[in-house]
PDB file of N, CA and C in Angstrom:
ATOM      1  N   MET A   1      -5.362  -0.942  56.964  1.00  0.00           N
ATOM      2  CA  MET A   1      -4.836   0.008  56.002  1.00  0.00           C
ATOM      3  C   MET A   1      -5.334  -0.389  54.623  1.00  0.00           C
ATOM      4  N   GLY A   2      -5.797   0.593  53.847  1.00  0.00           N
ATOM      5  CA  GLY A   2      -6.310   0.342  52.503  1.00  0.00           C
ATOM      6  C   GLY A   2      -5.194   0.047  51.524  1.00  0.00           C
ATOM      7  N   LEU A   3      -5.571  -0.431  50.371  1.00  0.00           N
ATOM      8  CA  LEU A   3      -4.619  -0.786  49.324  1.00  0.00           C
ATOM      9  C   LEU A   3      -3.753   0.393  48.926  1.00  0.00           C
ATOM     10  N   LEU A   4      -4.362   1.555  48.731  1.00  0.00           N
ATOM     11  CA  LEU A   4      -3.579   2.713  48.321  1.00  0.00           C
ATOM     12  C   LEU A   4      -2.585   3.126  49.388  1.00  0.00           C
ATOM     13  N   GLY A   5      -2.986   3.034  50.650  1.00  0.00           N
ATOM     14  CA  GLY A   5      -2.064   3.363  51.729  1.00  0.00           C
ATOM     15  C   GLY A   5      -0.880   2.413  51.754  1.00  0.00           C
ATOM     16  N   LYS A   6      -1.147   1.119  51.496  1.00  0.00           N
ATOM     17  CA  LYS A   6      -0.073   0.130  51.470  1.00  0.00           C
ATOM     18  C   LYS A   6       0.913   0.404  50.345  1.00  0.00           C
ATOM     19  N   LEU A   7       0.398   0.873  49.238  1.00  0.00           N
ATOM     20  CA  LEU A   7       1.264   1.133  48.090  1.00  0.00           C
ATOM     21  C   LEU A   7       1.987   2.468  48.199  1.00  0.00           C
ATOM     22  N   GLY A   8       1.608   3.265  49.183  1.00  0.00           N
ATOM     23  CA  GLY A   8       2.264   4.555  49.364  1.00  0.00           C
ATOM     24  C   GLY A   8       1.824   5.578  48.337  1.00  0.00           C
ATOM     25  N   LYS A   9       0.731   5.327  47.660  1.00  0.00           N
ATOM     26  CA  LYS A   9       0.284   6.218  46.593  1.00  0.00           C
ATOM     27  C   LYS A   9      -0.550   7.376  47.110  1.00  0.00           C
ATOM     28  N   ALA A  10      -1.271   7.191  48.180  1.00  0.00           N
ATOM     29  CA  ALA A  10      -2.176   8.246  48.632  1.00  0.00           C
ATOM     30  C   ALA A  10      -2.208   8.306  50.145  1.00  0.00           C
ATOM     31  N   LYS A  11      -2.355   9.478  50.651  1.00  0.00           N
ATOM     32  CA  LYS A  11      -2.510   9.693  52.087  1.00  0.00           C
ATOM     33  C   LYS A  11      -3.799  10.470  52.274  1.00  0.00           C
ATOM     34  N   ALA A  12      -4.634  10.005  53.149  1.00  0.00           N
ATOM     35  CA  ALA A  12      -5.917  10.663  53.388  1.00  0.00           C
ATOM     36  C   ALA A  12      -5.696  12.095  53.834  1.00  0.00           C
ATOM     37  N   GLY A  13      -6.485  13.016  53.268  1.00  0.00           N
ATOM     38  CA  GLY A  13      -6.427  14.402  53.675  1.00  0.00           C
ATOM     39  C   GLY A  13      -5.275  15.201  53.111  1.00  0.00           C
ATOM     40  N   ARG A  14      -4.500  14.622  52.208  1.00  0.00           N
ATOM     41  CA  ARG A  14      -3.361  15.332  51.645  1.00  0.00           C
ATOM     42  C   ARG A  14      -3.533  15.451  50.136  1.00  0.00           C
ATOM     43  N   LEU A  15      -3.399  16.681  49.617  1.00  0.00           N
ATOM     44  CA  LEU A  15      -3.495  16.903  48.182  1.00  0.00           C
ATOM     45  C   LEU A  15      -2.145  16.652  47.530  1.00  0.00           C
ATOM     46  N   ARG A  16      -2.200  16.092  46.325  1.00  0.00           N
ATOM     47  CA  ARG A  16      -0.970  15.904  45.559  1.00  0.00           C
ATOM     48  C   ARG A  16      -0.668  17.195  44.820  1.00  0.00           C
ATOM     49  N   GLY A  17       0.507  17.720  45.010  1.00  0.00           N
ATOM     50  CA  GLY A  17       0.902  18.935  44.322  1.00  0.00           C
ATOM     51  C   GLY A  17       1.386  18.643  42.919  1.00  0.00           C
ATOM     52  N   SER A  18       1.771  19.682  42.223  1.00  0.00           N
ATOM     53  CA  SER A  18       2.267  19.507  40.864  1.00  0.00           C
ATOM     54  C   SER A  18       3.709  19.018  40.914  1.00  0.00           C
ATOM     55  N   GLY A  19       4.120  18.424  39.836  1.00  0.00           N
ATOM     56  CA  GLY A  19       5.485  17.929  39.747  1.00  0.00           C
ATOM     57  C   GLY A  19       6.070  18.203  38.380  1.00  0.00           C
ATOM     58  N   ARG A  20       7.284  17.793  38.197  1.00  0.00           N
ATOM     59  CA  ARG A  20       7.964  17.995  36.913  1.00  0.00           C
ATOM     60  C   ARG A  20       7.236  17.294  35.780  1.00  0.00           C
ATOM     61  N   GLU A  21       6.660  16.125  36.089  1.00  0.00           N
ATOM     62  CA  GLU A  21       5.952  15.380  35.048  1.00  0.00           C
ATOM     63  C   GLU A  21       4.756  16.179  34.541  1.00  0.00           C
ATOM     64  N   ASP A  22       4.075  16.882  35.451  1.00  0.00           N
ATOM     65  CA  ASP A  22       2.924  17.688  35.065  1.00  0.00           C
ATOM     66  C   ASP A  22       3.352  18.811  34.122  1.00  0.00           C
ATOM     67  N   GLU A  23       4.387  19.536  34.496  1.00  0.00           N
ATOM     68  CA  GLU A  23       4.850  20.643  33.651  1.00  0.00           C
ATOM     69  C   GLU A  23       5.389  20.119  32.324  1.00  0.00           C
ATOM     70  N   SER A  24       6.113  19.021  32.347  1.00  0.00           N
ATOM     71  CA  SER A  24       6.631  18.441  31.101  1.00  0.00           C
ATOM     72  C   SER A  24       5.493  18.057  30.169  1.00  0.00           C
ATOM     73  N   HIS A  25       4.452  17.447  30.735  1.00  0.00           N
ATOM     74  CA  HIS A  25       3.295  17.068  29.924  1.00  0.00           C
ATOM     75  C   HIS A  25       2.676  18.301  29.268  1.00  0.00           C
ATOM     76  N   LEU A  26       2.475  19.369  30.050  1.00  0.00           N
ATOM     77  CA  LEU A  26       1.875  20.582  29.515  1.00  0.00           C
ATOM     78  C   LEU A  26       2.740  21.177  28.407  1.00  0.00           C
ATOM     79  N   ARG A  27       4.050  21.217  28.618  1.00  0.00           N
ATOM     80  CA  ARG A  27       4.955  21.759  27.592  1.00  0.00           C
ATOM     81  C   ARG A  27       4.900  20.930  26.309  1.00  0.00           C
ATOM     82  N   GLU A  28       4.967  19.618  26.445  1.00  0.00           N
ATOM     83  CA  GLU A  28       4.946  18.748  25.267  1.00  0.00           C
ATOM     84  C   GLU A  28       3.606  18.840  24.544  1.00  0.00           C
ATOM     85  N   TRP A  29       2.522  18.882  25.298  1.00  0.00           N
ATOM     86  CA  TRP A  29       1.192  18.945  24.702  1.00  0.00           C
ATOM     87  C   TRP A  29       1.021  20.252  23.935  1.00  0.00           C
ATOM     88  N   ALA A  30       1.428  21.364  24.525  1.00  0.00           N
ATOM     89  CA  ALA A  30       1.314  22.671  23.870  1.00  0.00           C
ATOM     90  C   ALA A  30       2.137  22.711  22.584  1.00  0.00           C
ATOM     91  N   ALA A  31       3.309  22.090  22.616  1.00  0.00           N
ATOM     92  CA  ALA A  31       4.169  22.091  21.429  1.00  0.00           C
ATOM     93  C   ALA A  31       3.594  21.243  20.301  1.00  0.00           C
ATOM     94  N   SER A  32       2.768  20.271  20.623  1.00  0.00           N
ATOM     95  CA  SER A  32       2.261  19.349  19.607  1.00  0.00           C
ATOM     96  C   SER A  32       0.846  19.687  19.123  1.00  0.00           C
ATOM     97  N   HIS A  33       0.292  20.811  19.576  1.00  0.00           N
ATOM     98  CA  HIS A  33      -1.060  21.210  19.180  1.00  0.00           C
ATOM     99  C   HIS A  33      -1.054  22.657  18.693  1.00  0.00           C
ATOM    100  N   GLN A  34      -2.024  22.992  17.858  1.00  0.00           N
ATOM    101  CA  GLN A  34      -2.137  24.334  17.286  1.00  0.00           C
ATOM    102  C   GLN A  34      -3.133  25.185  18.061  1.00  0.00           C
ATOM    103  N   GLY A  35      -2.855  26.484  18.139  1.00  0.00           N
ATOM    104  CA  GLY A  35      -3.792  27.429  18.724  1.00  0.00           C
ATOM    105  C   GLY A  35      -4.111  27.192  20.181  1.00  0.00           C
ATOM    106  N   VAL A  36      -3.121  26.806  20.962  1.00  0.00           N
ATOM    107  CA  VAL A  36      -3.347  26.445  22.370  1.00  0.00           C
ATOM    108  C   VAL A  36      -3.539  27.693  23.237  1.00  0.00           C
ATOM    109  N   GLU A  37      -4.536  27.610  24.114  1.00  0.00           N
ATOM    110  CA  GLU A  37      -4.759  28.624  25.132  1.00  0.00           C
ATOM    111  C   GLU A  37      -4.781  27.933  26.487  1.00  0.00           C
ATOM    112  N   ALA A  38      -4.370  28.669  27.516  1.00  0.00           N
ATOM    113  CA  ALA A  38      -4.315  28.115  28.871  1.00  0.00           C
ATOM    114  C   ALA A  38      -5.434  28.720  29.713  1.00  0.00           C
ATOM    115  N   PHE A  39      -6.026  27.884  30.560  1.00  0.00           N
ATOM    116  CA  PHE A  39      -7.069  28.309  31.486  1.00  0.00           C
ATOM    117  C   PHE A  39      -6.671  27.832  32.877  1.00  0.00           C
ATOM    118  N   VAL A  40      -6.593  28.764  33.823  1.00  0.00           N
ATOM    119  CA  VAL A  40      -6.202  28.432  35.191  1.00  0.00           C
ATOM    120  C   VAL A  40      -7.464  28.119  35.986  1.00  0.00           C
ATOM    121  N   GLU A  41      -7.466  26.930  36.599  1.00  0.00           N
ATOM    122  CA  GLU A  41      -8.590  26.496  37.436  1.00  0.00           C
ATOM    123  C   GLU A  41      -8.160  26.595  38.896  1.00  0.00           C
ATOM    124  N   PRO A  42      -9.017  27.134  39.740  1.00  0.00           N
ATOM    125  CA  PRO A  42      -8.632  27.354  41.142  1.00  0.00           C
ATOM    126  C   PRO A  42      -8.499  26.055  41.931  1.00  0.00           C
ATOM    127  N   ARG A  43      -7.788  26.156  43.004  1.00  0.00           N
ATOM    128  CA  ARG A  43      -7.671  25.049  43.953  1.00  0.00           C
ATOM    129  C   ARG A  43      -9.048  24.744  44.527  1.00  0.00           C
ATOM    130  N   THR A  44      -9.299  23.475  44.739  1.00  0.00           N
ATOM    131  CA  THR A  44     -10.557  23.057  45.374  1.00  0.00           C
ATOM    132  C   THR A  44     -10.230  22.241  46.614  1.00  0.00           C
ATOM    133  N   ALA A  45     -11.252  21.701  47.244  1.00  0.00           N
ATOM    134  CA  ALA A  45     -11.048  20.886  48.437  1.00  0.00           C
ATOM    135  C   ALA A  45     -10.320  19.590  48.107  1.00  0.00           C
ATOM    136  N   VAL A  46     -10.377  19.144  46.867  1.00  0.00           N
ATOM    137  CA  VAL A  46      -9.772  17.856  46.510  1.00  0.00           C
ATOM    138  C   VAL A  46      -8.647  17.958  45.489  1.00  0.00           C
ATOM    139  N   THR A  47      -8.443  19.133  44.886  1.00  0.00           N
ATOM    140  CA  THR A  47      -7.436  19.271  43.838  1.00  0.00           C
ATOM    141  C   THR A  47      -6.683  20.587  43.999  1.00  0.00           C
ATOM    142  N   GLU A  48      -5.396  20.540  43.785  1.00  0.00           N
ATOM    143  CA  GLU A  48      -4.607  21.767  43.760  1.00  0.00           C
ATOM    144  C   GLU A  48      -4.972  22.569  42.512  1.00  0.00           C
ATOM    145  N   THR A  49      -4.407  23.757  42.362  1.00  0.00           N
ATOM    146  CA  THR A  49      -4.621  24.571  41.172  1.00  0.00           C
ATOM    147  C   THR A  49      -4.238  23.758  39.946  1.00  0.00           C
ATOM    148  N   THR A  50      -5.054  23.844  38.906  1.00  0.00           N
ATOM    149  CA  THR A  50      -4.762  23.126  37.665  1.00  0.00           C
ATOM    150  C   THR A  50      -4.703  24.093  36.501  1.00  0.00           C
ATOM    151  N   MET A  51      -4.014  23.651  35.465  1.00  0.00           N
ATOM    152  CA  MET A  51      -3.912  24.409  34.226  1.00  0.00           C
ATOM    153  C   MET A  51      -4.509  23.541  33.134  1.00  0.00           C
ATOM    154  N   LEU A  52      -5.477  24.094  32.457  1.00  0.00           N
ATOM    155  CA  LEU A  52      -6.163  23.419  31.370  1.00  0.00           C
ATOM    156  C   LEU A  52      -5.655  24.023  30.074  1.00  0.00           C
ATOM    157  N   LEU A  53      -5.158  23.191  29.165  1.00  0.00           N
ATOM    158  CA  LEU A  53      -4.746  23.661  27.851  1.00  0.00           C
ATOM    159  C   LEU A  53      -5.790  23.207  26.849  1.00  0.00           C
ATOM    160  N   VAL A  54      -6.235  24.121  25.989  1.00  0.00           N
ATOM    161  CA  VAL A  54      -7.243  23.813  24.986  1.00  0.00           C
ATOM    162  C   VAL A  54      -6.696  24.226  23.619  1.00  0.00           C
ATOM    163  N   ALA A  55      -6.680  23.268  22.675  1.00  0.00           N
ATOM    164  CA  ALA A  55      -6.216  23.538  21.317  1.00  0.00           C
ATOM    165  C   ALA A  55      -7.342  24.147  20.494  1.00  0.00           C
ATOM    166  N   ASN A  56      -7.020  24.633  19.282  1.00  0.00           N
ATOM    167  CA  ASN A  56      -8.043  25.284  18.465  1.00  0.00           C
ATOM    168  C   ASN A  56      -9.149  24.333  18.016  1.00  0.00           C
ATOM    169  N   ASP A  57      -8.896  23.012  18.021  1.00  0.00           N
ATOM    170  CA  ASP A  57      -9.943  22.046  17.647  1.00  0.00           C
ATOM    171  C   ASP A  57     -10.771  21.594  18.851  1.00  0.00           C
ATOM    172  N   GLY A  58     -10.455  22.110  20.035  1.00  0.00           N
ATOM    173  CA  GLY A  58     -11.201  21.768  21.243  1.00  0.00           C
ATOM    174  C   GLY A  58     -10.594  20.648  22.063  1.00  0.00           C
ATOM    175  N   GLU A  59      -9.598  19.956  21.514  1.00  0.00           N
ATOM    176  CA  GLU A  59      -8.928  18.915  22.304  1.00  0.00           C
ATOM    177  C   GLU A  59      -8.279  19.595  23.504  1.00  0.00           C
ATOM    178  N   TRP A  60      -8.234  18.891  24.635  1.00  0.00           N
ATOM    179  CA  TRP A  60      -7.721  19.526  25.836  1.00  0.00           C
ATOM    180  C   TRP A  60      -6.988  18.539  26.724  1.00  0.00           C
ATOM    181  N   THR A  61      -6.208  19.123  27.641  1.00  0.00           N
ATOM    182  CA  THR A  61      -5.525  18.353  28.677  1.00  0.00           C
ATOM    183  C   THR A  61      -5.469  19.218  29.928  1.00  0.00           C
ATOM    184  N   ARG A  62      -5.357  18.557  31.071  1.00  0.00           N
ATOM    185  CA  ARG A  62      -5.348  19.265  32.358  1.00  0.00           C
ATOM    186  C   ARG A  62      -4.282  18.634  33.257  1.00  0.00           C
ATOM    187  N   ARG A  63      -3.523  19.476  33.934  1.00  0.00           N
ATOM    188  CA  ARG A  63      -2.543  18.988  34.904  1.00  0.00           C
ATOM    189  C   ARG A  63      -2.465  19.960  36.070  1.00  0.00           C
ATOM    190  N   ARG A  64      -1.989  19.459  37.193  1.00  0.00           N
ATOM    191  CA  ARG A  64      -1.772  20.307  38.362  1.00  0.00           C
ATOM    192  C   ARG A  64      -0.619  21.263  38.059  1.00  0.00           C
ATOM    193  N   ILE A  65      -0.699  22.421  38.699  1.00  0.00           N
ATOM    194  CA  ILE A  65       0.333  23.442  38.529  1.00  0.00           C
ATOM    195  C   ILE A  65       0.587  24.045  39.907  1.00  0.00           C
ATOM    196  N   SER A  66       1.715  24.676  40.092  1.00  0.00           N
ATOM    197  CA  SER A  66       2.113  25.161  41.417  1.00  0.00           C
ATOM    198  C   SER A  66       1.236  26.282  41.962  1.00  0.00           C
ATOM    199  N   GLY A  67       0.412  26.873  41.153  1.00  0.00           N
ATOM    200  CA  GLY A  67      -0.475  27.947  41.596  1.00  0.00           C
ATOM    201  C   GLY A  67      -0.768  28.870  40.427  1.00  0.00           C
ATOM    202  N   PRO A  68      -1.618  29.861  40.621  1.00  0.00           N
ATOM    203  CA  PRO A  68      -1.943  30.785  39.532  1.00  0.00           C
ATOM    204  C   PRO A  68      -0.719  31.499  38.962  1.00  0.00           C
ATOM    205  N   ASP A  69       0.194  31.902  39.829  1.00  0.00           N
ATOM    206  CA  ASP A  69       1.404  32.573  39.341  1.00  0.00           C
ATOM    207  C   ASP A  69       2.258  31.616  38.516  1.00  0.00           C
ATOM    208  N   GLY A  70       2.353  30.364  38.960  1.00  0.00           N
ATOM    209  CA  GLY A  70       3.102  29.362  38.200  1.00  0.00           C
ATOM    210  C   GLY A  70       2.475  29.099  36.839  1.00  0.00           C
ATOM    211  N   ALA A  71       1.152  29.121  36.782  1.00  0.00           N
ATOM    212  CA  ALA A  71       0.445  28.917  35.509  1.00  0.00           C
ATOM    213  C   ALA A  71       0.730  30.068  34.558  1.00  0.00           C
ATOM    214  N   ARG A  72       0.659  31.297  35.065  1.00  0.00           N
ATOM    215  CA  ARG A  72       0.932  32.457  34.208  1.00  0.00           C
ATOM    216  C   ARG A  72       2.376  32.450  33.718  1.00  0.00           C
ATOM    217  N   LYS A  73       3.290  32.066  34.588  1.00  0.00           N
ATOM    218  CA  LYS A  73       4.707  32.009  34.210  1.00  0.00           C
ATOM    219  C   LYS A  73       4.921  30.955  33.111  1.00  0.00           C
ATOM    220  N   LEU A  74       4.305  29.789  33.282  1.00  0.00           N
ATOM    221  CA  LEU A  74       4.438  28.740  32.279  1.00  0.00           C
ATOM    222  C   LEU A  74       3.818  29.183  30.955  1.00  0.00           C
ATOM    223  N   ALA A  75       2.644  29.797  30.996  1.00  0.00           N
ATOM    224  CA  ALA A  75       1.997  30.275  29.764  1.00  0.00           C
ATOM    225  C   ALA A  75       2.866  31.305  29.055  1.00  0.00           C
ATOM    226  N   ARG A  76       3.469  32.209  29.805  1.00  0.00           N
ATOM    227  CA  ARG A  76       4.376  33.187  29.191  1.00  0.00           C
ATOM    228  C   ARG A  76       5.546  32.494  28.513  1.00  0.00           C
ATOM    229  N   SER A  77       6.113  31.487  29.177  1.00  0.00           N
ATOM    230  CA  SER A  77       7.259  30.794  28.585  1.00  0.00           C
ATOM    231  C   SER A  77       6.864  30.013  27.331  1.00  0.00           C
ATOM    232  N   LEU A  78       5.588  29.581  27.279  1.00  0.00           N
ATOM    233  CA  LEU A  78       5.092  28.870  26.095  1.00  0.00           C
ATOM    234  C   LEU A  78       4.562  29.833  25.034  1.00  0.00           C
ATOM    235  N   LYS A  79       4.494  31.114  25.394  1.00  0.00           N
ATOM    236  CA  LYS A  79       3.977  32.148  24.491  1.00  0.00           C
ATOM    237  C   LYS A  79       2.540  31.859  24.061  1.00  0.00           C
ATOM    238  N   ILE A  80       1.709  31.500  25.065  1.00  0.00           N
ATOM    239  CA  ILE A  80       0.291  31.251  24.811  1.00  0.00           C
ATOM    240  C   ILE A  80      -0.536  32.122  25.750  1.00  0.00           C
ATOM    241  N   PRO A  81      -1.736  32.508  25.320  1.00  0.00           N
ATOM    242  CA  PRO A  81      -2.587  33.304  26.209  1.00  0.00           C
ATOM    243  C   PRO A  81      -3.051  32.479  27.399  1.00  0.00           C
ATOM    244  N   VAL A  82      -3.252  33.157  28.518  1.00  0.00           N
ATOM    245  CA  VAL A  82      -3.713  32.489  29.735  1.00  0.00           C
ATOM    246  C   VAL A  82      -4.896  33.260  30.299  1.00  0.00           C
ATOM    247  N   TYR A  83      -5.923  32.511  30.713  1.00  0.00           N
ATOM    248  CA  TYR A  83      -7.153  33.094  31.231  1.00  0.00           C
ATOM    249  C   TYR A  83      -7.504  32.458  32.564  1.00  0.00           C
ATOM    250  N   ASP A  84      -8.215  33.205  33.384  1.00  0.00           N
ATOM    251  CA  ASP A  84      -8.753  32.686  34.635  1.00  0.00           C
ATOM    252  C   ASP A  84     -10.129  32.107  34.317  1.00  0.00           C
ATOM    253  N   VAL A  85     -10.293  30.801  34.477  1.00  0.00           N
ATOM    254  CA  VAL A  85     -11.551  30.148  34.102  1.00  0.00           C
ATOM    255  C   VAL A  85     -12.725  30.677  34.912  1.00  0.00           C
ATOM    256  N   GLN A  86     -12.487  31.191  36.106  1.00  0.00           N
ATOM    257  CA  GLN A  86     -13.570  31.748  36.913  1.00  0.00           C
ATOM    258  C   GLN A  86     -14.100  33.058  36.322  1.00  0.00           C
ATOM    259  N   LEU A  87     -13.274  33.729  35.525  1.00  0.00           N
ATOM    260  CA  LEU A  87     -13.690  34.990  34.914  1.00  0.00           C
ATOM    261  C   LEU A  87     -14.264  34.804  33.517  1.00  0.00           C
ATOM    262  N   VAL A  88     -13.667  33.902  32.737  1.00  0.00           N
ATOM    263  CA  VAL A  88     -14.067  33.764  31.325  1.00  0.00           C
ATOM    264  C   VAL A  88     -14.828  32.483  31.027  1.00  0.00           C
ATOM    265  N   GLY A  89     -14.804  31.524  31.934  1.00  0.00           N
ATOM    266  CA  GLY A  89     -15.466  30.241  31.688  1.00  0.00           C
ATOM    267  C   GLY A  89     -14.646  29.356  30.760  1.00  0.00           C
ATOM    268  N   TYR A  90     -15.236  28.211  30.408  1.00  0.00           N
ATOM    269  CA  TYR A  90     -14.573  27.263  29.521  1.00  0.00           C
ATOM    270  C   TYR A  90     -14.946  27.570  28.079  1.00  0.00           C
ATOM    271  N   PRO A  91     -14.023  27.391  27.146  1.00  0.00           N
ATOM    272  CA  PRO A  91     -14.332  27.707  25.748  1.00  0.00           C
ATOM    273  C   PRO A  91     -15.352  26.729  25.156  1.00  0.00           C
ATOM    274  N   GLN A  92     -16.227  27.243  24.303  1.00  0.00           N
ATOM    275  CA  GLN A  92     -17.249  26.423  23.667  1.00  0.00           C
ATOM    276  C   GLN A  92     -16.626  25.301  22.850  1.00  0.00           C
ATOM    277  N   ARG A  93     -15.496  25.557  22.220  1.00  0.00           N
ATOM    278  CA  ARG A  93     -14.869  24.527  21.370  1.00  0.00           C
ATOM    279  C   ARG A  93     -14.476  23.291  22.175  1.00  0.00           C
ATOM    280  N   MET A  94     -14.193  23.472  23.458  1.00  0.00           N
ATOM    281  CA  MET A  94     -13.877  22.340  24.336  1.00  0.00           C
ATOM    282  C   MET A  94     -15.132  21.491  24.561  1.00  0.00           C
ATOM    283  N   ARG A  95     -16.241  22.147  24.843  1.00  0.00           N
ATOM    284  CA  ARG A  95     -17.496  21.412  25.035  1.00  0.00           C
ATOM    285  C   ARG A  95     -17.925  20.728  23.738  1.00  0.00           C
ATOM    286  N   ASP A  96     -17.734  21.399  22.609  1.00  0.00           N
ATOM    287  CA  ASP A  96     -18.078  20.808  21.309  1.00  0.00           C
ATOM    288  C   ASP A  96     -17.222  19.565  21.040  1.00  0.00           C
ATOM    289  N   HIS A  97     -15.942  19.645  21.366  1.00  0.00           N
ATOM    290  CA  HIS A  97     -15.034  18.511  21.180  1.00  0.00           C
ATOM    291  C   HIS A  97     -15.488  17.323  22.029  1.00  0.00           C
ATOM    292  N   ASP A  98     -15.812  17.591  23.289  1.00  0.00           N
ATOM    293  CA  ASP A  98     -16.262  16.516  24.182  1.00  0.00           C
ATOM    294  C   ASP A  98     -17.545  15.872  23.665  1.00  0.00           C
ATOM    295  N   ALA A  99     -18.454  16.682  23.144  1.00  0.00           N
ATOM    296  CA  ALA A  99     -19.707  16.148  22.606  1.00  0.00           C
ATOM    297  C   ALA A  99     -19.442  15.283  21.375  1.00  0.00           C
ATOM    298  N   ARG A 100     -18.527  15.706  20.494  1.00  0.00           N
ATOM    299  CA  ARG A 100     -18.164  14.899  19.311  1.00  0.00           C
ATOM    300  C   ARG A 100     -17.540  13.580  19.723  1.00  0.00           C
ATOM    301  N   GLN A 101     -16.651  13.618  20.715  1.00  0.00           N
ATOM    302  CA  GLN A 101     -15.994  12.396  21.172  1.00  0.00           C
ATOM    303  C   GLN A 101     -17.002  11.431  21.789  1.00  0.00           C
ATOM    304  N   LYS A 102     -17.947  11.961  22.546  1.00  0.00           N
ATOM    305  CA  LYS A 102     -18.978  11.123  23.151  1.00  0.00           C
ATOM    306  C   LYS A 102     -19.821  10.452  22.063  1.00  0.00           C
ATOM    307  N   ALA A 103     -20.184  11.204  21.021  1.00  0.00           N
ATOM    308  CA  ALA A 103     -20.974  10.642  19.926  1.00  0.00           C
ATOM    309  C   ALA A 103     -20.192   9.560  19.180  1.00  0.00           C
ATOM    310  N   LEU A 104     -18.902   9.778  18.980  1.00  0.00           N
ATOM    311  CA  LEU A 104     -18.070   8.772  18.308  1.00  0.00           C
ATOM    312  C   LEU A 104     -17.962   7.497  19.138  1.00  0.00           C
ATOM    313  N   ARG A 105     -17.792   7.636  20.457  1.00  0.00           N
ATOM    314  CA  ARG A 105     -17.711   6.456  21.329  1.00  0.00           C
ATOM    315  C   ARG A 105     -19.029   5.686  21.303  1.00  0.00           C
ATOM    316  N   GLU A 106     -20.139   6.405  21.324  1.00  0.00           N
ATOM    317  CA  GLU A 106     -21.456   5.765  21.298  1.00  0.00           C
ATOM    318  C   GLU A 106     -21.674   5.041  19.968  1.00  0.00           C
ATOM    319  N   ARG A 107     -21.282   5.673  18.887  1.00  0.00           N
ATOM    320  CA  ARG A 107     -21.406   5.044  17.565  1.00  0.00           C
ATOM    321  C   ARG A 107     -20.563   3.761  17.499  1.00  0.00           C
ATOM    322  N   ALA A 108     -19.346   3.823  18.021  1.00  0.00           N
ATOM    323  CA  ALA A 108     -18.470   2.635  18.011  1.00  0.00           C
ATOM    324  C   ALA A 108     -19.050   1.524  18.880  1.00  0.00           C
ATOM    325  N   ARG A 109     -19.623   1.894  20.031  1.00  0.00           N
ATOM    326  CA  ARG A 109     -20.227   0.894  20.914  1.00  0.00           C
ATOM    327  C   ARG A 109     -21.397   0.204  20.220  1.00  0.00           C
ATOM    328  N   ARG A 110     -22.224   0.992  19.558  1.00  0.00           N
ATOM    329  CA  ARG A 110     -23.375   0.408  18.845  1.00  0.00           C
ATOM    330  C   ARG A 110     -22.923  -0.500  17.709  1.00  0.00           C
ATOM    331  N   ALA A 111     -21.874  -0.128  17.023  1.00  0.00           N
ATOM    332  CA  ALA A 111     -21.359  -0.933  15.918  1.00  0.00           C
ATOM    333  C   ALA A 111     -20.830  -2.279  16.440  1.00  0.00           C
ATOM    334  N   GLN A 112     -20.197  -2.256  17.622  1.00  0.00           N
ATOM    335  CA  GLN A 112     -19.691  -3.503  18.218  1.00  0.00           C
ATOM    336  C   GLN A 112     -20.819  -4.416  18.636  1.00  0.00           C
ATOM    337  N   GLU A 113     -21.893  -3.830  19.134  1.00  0.00           N
ATOM    338  CA  GLU A 113     -23.035  -4.641  19.567  1.00  0.00           C
ATOM    339  C   GLU A 113     -23.785  -5.239  18.375  1.00  0.00           C
ATOM    340  N   GLY A 114     -23.593  -4.589  17.222  1.00  0.00           N
ATOM    341  CA  GLY A 114     -24.050  -5.080  15.998  1.00  0.00           C
ATOM    342  C   GLY A 114     -25.373  -5.219  15.540  1.00  0.00           C
TER     343      GLY A 114
END
């Protein structure tokens, strides 16, 4: 038996569903950021349906959600727009944010190497 199996953290072939912690994180994150929009990502072979929240500066977070209907319900309760990522794609500001963060990490690494 592998380490994860011994710890009871993972079972082969079983997806982890969403939980209260996931929804709480999404609610808290949306409340602490400006201009948040929600993007629903479909279930895959390895991940349940996820909800991606993107702020107006491109910062983002992702958590599992109970399904597309659960994502829309949560977005309505947060009073934020919700989109299907398969229809609209990912926002450019998210990619721009990731590129800025990567450049900052690289700059910091080079500065440490000196």
